[in-house]
């Protein structure tokens, strides 16, 4: 098995460590290895011996957790195998970066929509901040489709966990939904049970989008809850 700890030690960038640590407040185990290097290492492991790695490797720092999650996405395996290791991985997630970067790698979802959606249910109702964020981001990345958009809005509406990174994820997802399904998202914004913070952050994210017209942004801005 690859000597991952030594490989990571060789790739540490102290300036990047300081920069990225600032983006992940509360994450104190960042070594300072850039994401493209982590992806390269994960792809190497995924080609060689992913199951051995996923079964035996003990993740202790940020970069190791990121690689663990990425290997699941990159390795060649059936959906049940991938979900088995995702179940082991999700409780390791303790910051937004590991969550979001790994979610974007789980392209196998596209061919297993119902199976993965069923898997996500356990995290939608979790009381743990990053387990819920994992579900929210997975829904954003793969389920903002004509077939699933109504179901996604219903799920977002029902999530009530009062955690910052959950609320920010929902707001981001709604802004992405607005670009993809403007009319349905408008209807959702007019009739929802989001808390004030999440609702206003959703509007802010829509306004910040480069894919929304100035006229629409002005209209969205007027919906802000005082």
Foldseek 3Di string as FASTA:
>chain_A
DDPVVVVVVVQADVVQQVVVCVVWDPADQDRHHDPVVLLVVLLVCLVPPLVCCLVDPDDDGDSSLLSNLLNLLNHDDDPVVSLVSVVVNQVVDDTDVSLQVSLLSNPVCQVVVVVVLVSLPVQLPDLDLSSNLSSLNNCLNHPLDPVRVVVSLVSLLPRDRPDDSNLLSNLLSLLSSCLVPVVVSVVSLVDGNDDLVSSQSNLVNNLPDPSDDPVVNVVSVVSRDD
